[in-house]
C-alpha atoms as a PDB file:
ATOM      1  CA  MET A   1       0.305  18.984   1.955  1.00  0.00           C
ATOM      2  CA  SER A   2       3.653  21.143   1.513  1.00  0.00           C
ATOM      3  CA  ARG A   3       7.442  19.715   3.134  1.00  0.00           C
ATOM      4  CA  GLY A   4       7.369  22.745   5.736  1.00  0.00           C
ATOM      5  CA  GLY A   5       9.064  25.666   3.774  1.00  0.00           C
ATOM      6  CA  GLU A   6       7.523  28.716   3.755  1.00  0.00           C
ATOM      7  CA  GLY A   7       8.846  32.144   4.769  1.00  0.00           C
ATOM      8  CA  ASP A   8       9.166  32.067   8.599  1.00  0.00           C
ATOM      9  CA  GLY A   9       8.295  36.131   9.419  1.00  0.00           C
ATOM     10  CA  ASN A  10       8.106  37.203  12.712  1.00  0.00           C
ATOM     11  CA  SER A  11       4.644  38.154  12.993  1.00  0.00           C
ATOM     12  CA  GLU A  12       1.745  36.159  14.154  1.00  0.00           C
ATOM     13  CA  PRO A  13       0.547  33.345  11.257  1.00  0.00           C
ATOM     14  CA  THR A  14      -2.376  33.800   9.637  1.00  0.00           C
ATOM     15  CA  ALA A  15      -4.551  31.955   7.285  1.00  0.00           C
ATOM     16  CA  ALA A  16      -7.076  33.141   4.543  1.00  0.00           C
ATOM     17  CA  GLY A  17     -11.174  32.933   5.414  1.00  0.00           C
ATOM     18  CA  GLY A  18     -10.745  32.831   9.540  1.00  0.00           C
ATOM     19  CA  SER A  19      -8.989  34.498  12.492  1.00  0.00           C
ATOM     20  CA  GLY A  20      -5.861  32.782  11.742  1.00  0.00           C
ATOM     21  CA  LYS A  21      -4.734  32.305  14.861  1.00  0.00           C
ATOM     22  CA  VAL A  22      -2.196  28.961  15.061  1.00  0.00           C
ATOM     23  CA  THR A  23      -2.519  27.213  18.144  1.00  0.00           C
ATOM     24  CA  ILE A  24       0.596  24.624  19.152  1.00  0.00           C
ATOM     25  CA  THR A  25       0.284  21.518  20.406  1.00  0.00           C
ATOM     26  CA  ASP A  26       1.990  18.674  21.308  1.00  0.00           C
ATOM     27  CA  ALA A  27       0.077  15.235  20.370  1.00  0.00           C
ATOM     28  CA  PRO A  28       2.865  12.878  21.879  1.00  0.00           C
ATOM     29  CA  GLU A  29       0.215   9.269  21.087  1.00  0.00           C
ATOM     30  CA  GLN A  30       1.085  10.231  17.591  1.00  0.00           C
ATOM     31  CA  HIS A  31       4.795  10.949  17.961  1.00  0.00           C
ATOM     32  CA  ARG A  32       3.891  14.995  16.344  1.00  0.00           C
ATOM     33  CA  TYR A  33       3.242  18.813  16.680  1.00  0.00           C
ATOM     34  CA  GLU A  34       0.020  19.404  15.282  1.00  0.00           C
ATOM     35  CA  ALA A  35      -0.905  22.926  14.528  1.00  0.00           C
ATOM     36  CA  ARG A  36      -4.380  23.806  13.769  1.00  0.00           C
ATOM     37  CA  VAL A  37      -5.895  27.115  12.859  1.00  0.00           C
ATOM     38  CA  ASP A  38     -10.080  27.328  13.587  1.00  0.00           C
ATOM     39  CA  GLY A  39      -9.495  24.021  14.781  1.00  0.00           C
ATOM     40  CA  GLY A  40      -8.322  22.624  12.124  1.00  0.00           C
ATOM     41  CA  LEU A  41      -4.967  20.539  11.003  1.00  0.00           C
ATOM     42  CA  ALA A  42      -2.717  23.188   9.360  1.00  0.00           C
ATOM     43  CA  GLY A  43       0.374  20.940   9.671  1.00  0.00           C
ATOM     44  CA  PHE A  44       2.852  19.057  11.720  1.00  0.00           C
ATOM     45  CA  ALA A  45       6.141  18.184  13.444  1.00  0.00           C
ATOM     46  CA  VAL A  46       6.697  15.084  13.315  1.00  0.00           C
ATOM     47  CA  TYR A  47       9.761  13.857  16.443  1.00  0.00           C
ATOM     48  CA  LEU A  48      11.306  10.505  18.079  1.00  0.00           C
ATOM     49  CA  ARG A  49      11.731  11.042  21.864  1.00  0.00           C
ATOM     50  CA  THR A  50      14.231  10.073  23.908  1.00  0.00           C
ATOM     51  CA  PRO A  51      14.520  11.304  28.174  1.00  0.00           C
ATOM     52  CA  GLN A  52      17.891  13.007  26.838  1.00  0.00           C
ATOM     53  CA  LEU A  53      17.126  13.809  22.658  1.00  0.00           C
ATOM     54  CA  VAL A  54      14.166  14.679  20.912  1.00  0.00           C
ATOM     55  CA  THR A  55      15.345  14.366  16.770  1.00  0.00           C
ATOM     56  CA  PHE A  56      12.432  16.212  14.152  1.00  0.00           C
ATOM     57  CA  VAL A  57      12.465  13.783  11.837  1.00  0.00           C
ATOM     58  CA  HIS A  58       9.436  15.353   9.121  1.00  0.00           C
ATOM     59  CA  THR A  59       7.353  18.202   8.292  1.00  0.00           C
ATOM     60  CA  GLU A  60       4.699  19.060   6.459  1.00  0.00           C
ATOM     61  CA  VAL A  61       2.355  21.772   6.398  1.00  0.00           C
ATOM     62  CA  GLU A  62      -1.056  22.185   4.434  1.00  0.00           C
ATOM     63  CA  ASP A  63      -0.762  23.458   0.969  1.00  0.00           C
ATOM     64  CA  ALA A  64      -4.040  26.539   2.428  1.00  0.00           C
ATOM     65  CA  TYR A  65      -2.022  27.802   5.015  1.00  0.00           C
ATOM     66  CA  GLY A  66       1.856  28.033   3.059  1.00  0.00           C
ATOM     67  CA  GLY A  67       3.870  30.868   3.619  1.00  0.00           C
ATOM     68  CA  ARG A  68       1.987  31.763   6.203  1.00  0.00           C
ATOM     69  CA  GLY A  69       4.115  30.906   8.768  1.00  0.00           C
ATOM     70  CA  VAL A  70       2.678  28.041   9.680  1.00  0.00           C
ATOM     71  CA  GLY A  71       5.885  25.811  10.017  1.00  0.00           C
ATOM     72  CA  SER A  72       8.019  29.113  11.274  1.00  0.00           C
ATOM     73  CA  ALA A  73       5.320  28.684  14.360  1.00  0.00           C
ATOM     74  CA  LEU A  74       5.511  24.835  14.460  1.00  0.00           C
ATOM     75  CA  ALA A  75       9.544  25.057  15.411  1.00  0.00           C
ATOM     76  CA  ARG A  76       9.228  27.749  17.550  1.00  0.00           C
ATOM     77  CA  ALA A  77       6.921  26.165  19.777  1.00  0.00           C
ATOM     78  CA  ALA A  78       8.869  22.633  19.508  1.00  0.00           C
ATOM     79  CA  LEU A  79      12.149  23.904  19.934  1.00  0.00           C
ATOM     80  CA  ASP A  80      11.272  26.129  22.960  1.00  0.00           C
ATOM     81  CA  GLU A  81       9.493  22.547  24.991  1.00  0.00           C
ATOM     82  CA  ALA A  82      12.283  21.147  24.015  1.00  0.00           C
ATOM     83  CA  ARG A  83      14.306  23.831  26.197  1.00  0.00           C
ATOM     84  CA  ALA A  84      12.284  23.343  28.833  1.00  0.00           C
ATOM     85  CA  GLN A  85      12.402  20.178  29.324  1.00  0.00           C
ATOM     86  CA  GLY A  86      16.338  19.572  29.026  1.00  0.00           C
ATOM     87  CA  LEU A  87      16.001  18.391  25.902  1.00  0.00           C
ATOM     88  CA  GLN A  88      19.209  18.186  23.345  1.00  0.00           C
ATOM     89  CA  VAL A  89      17.586  18.195  19.470  1.00  0.00           C
ATOM     90  CA  VAL A  90      18.988  16.120  16.250  1.00  0.00           C
ATOM     91  CA  ALA A  91      17.472  17.845  13.336  1.00  0.00           C
ATOM     92  CA  VAL A  92      17.058  15.469  10.594  1.00  0.00           C
ATOM     93  CA  CYS A  93      14.142  17.128   9.280  1.00  0.00           C
ATOM     94  CA  PRO A  94      15.657  19.552   6.562  1.00  0.00           C
ATOM     95  CA  PHE A  95      12.587  22.419   7.878  1.00  0.00           C
ATOM     96  CA  VAL A  96      13.590  22.529  11.106  1.00  0.00           C
ATOM     97  CA  SER A  97      17.446  22.466  10.947  1.00  0.00           C
ATOM     98  CA  GLY A  98      17.031  24.934   8.052  1.00  0.00           C
ATOM     99  CA  TRP A  99      14.802  26.895  10.244  1.00  0.00           C
ATOM    100  CA  ILE A 100      17.637  26.776  13.148  1.00  0.00           C
ATOM    101  CA  ASP A 101      20.313  27.692  11.100  1.00  0.00           C
ATOM    102  CA  ARG A 102      18.130  31.324  10.735  1.00  0.00           C
ATOM    103  CA  HIS A 103      17.959  30.940  14.056  1.00  0.00           C
ATOM    104  CA  PRO A 104      21.007  31.297  16.410  1.00  0.00           C
ATOM    105  CA  ALA A 105      19.486  31.807  19.287  1.00  0.00           C
ATOM    106  CA  TYR A 106      17.673  28.155  19.192  1.00  0.00           C
ATOM    107  CA  ARG A 107      21.127  26.492  17.748  1.00  0.00           C
ATOM    108  CA  ASP A 108      23.022  25.951  21.814  1.00  0.00           C
ATOM    109  CA  LEU A 109      19.924  23.303  21.482  1.00  0.00           C
ATOM    110  CA  LEU A 110      21.106  21.235  19.060  1.00  0.00           C
ATOM    111  CA  TYR A 111      23.148  17.820  19.387  1.00  0.00           C
ATOM    112  CA  GLU A 112      27.347  17.043  19.428  1.00  0.00           C
ATOM    113  CA  ALA A 113      27.720  13.934  19.867  1.00  0.00           C
ATOM    114  CA  SER A 114      30.846  14.145  22.573  1.00  0.00           C
ATOM    115  CA  SER A 115      32.806  10.929  21.527  1.00  0.00           C
ATOM    116  CA  GLN A 116      36.092  11.825  19.362  1.00  0.00           C
ATOM    117  CA  VAL A 117      36.124   8.003  18.538  1.00  0.00           C
ATOM    118  CA  SER A 118      38.331   7.491  14.943  1.00  0.00           C
ATOM    119  CA  ASP A 119      39.521   4.421  12.910  1.00  0.00           C
END
């Protein structure tokens, strides 16, 4: 598996040797969103969730699906769900962080500490 990192493309992600439709589902018991292509696991994004926040800690995409938009589909679906649930996002995962940087419409989801404590 590769770590996120494929191009995000704006077209429907496709996979070699099948219909190529990417389906994203939340697997809360495993604390991750899963991307499936033709029923097989193509990648996942691991998260930690609190009532106010979701922290994305790691994204992986199977090598066979690298560069086909699977990571982007994972990021978009997970962030859309965070928005729908009114959650703020902490992007520890470099792939998710970079994806947000490239998609400014999602930057409003990023958590900003309200504390102004200093030494």
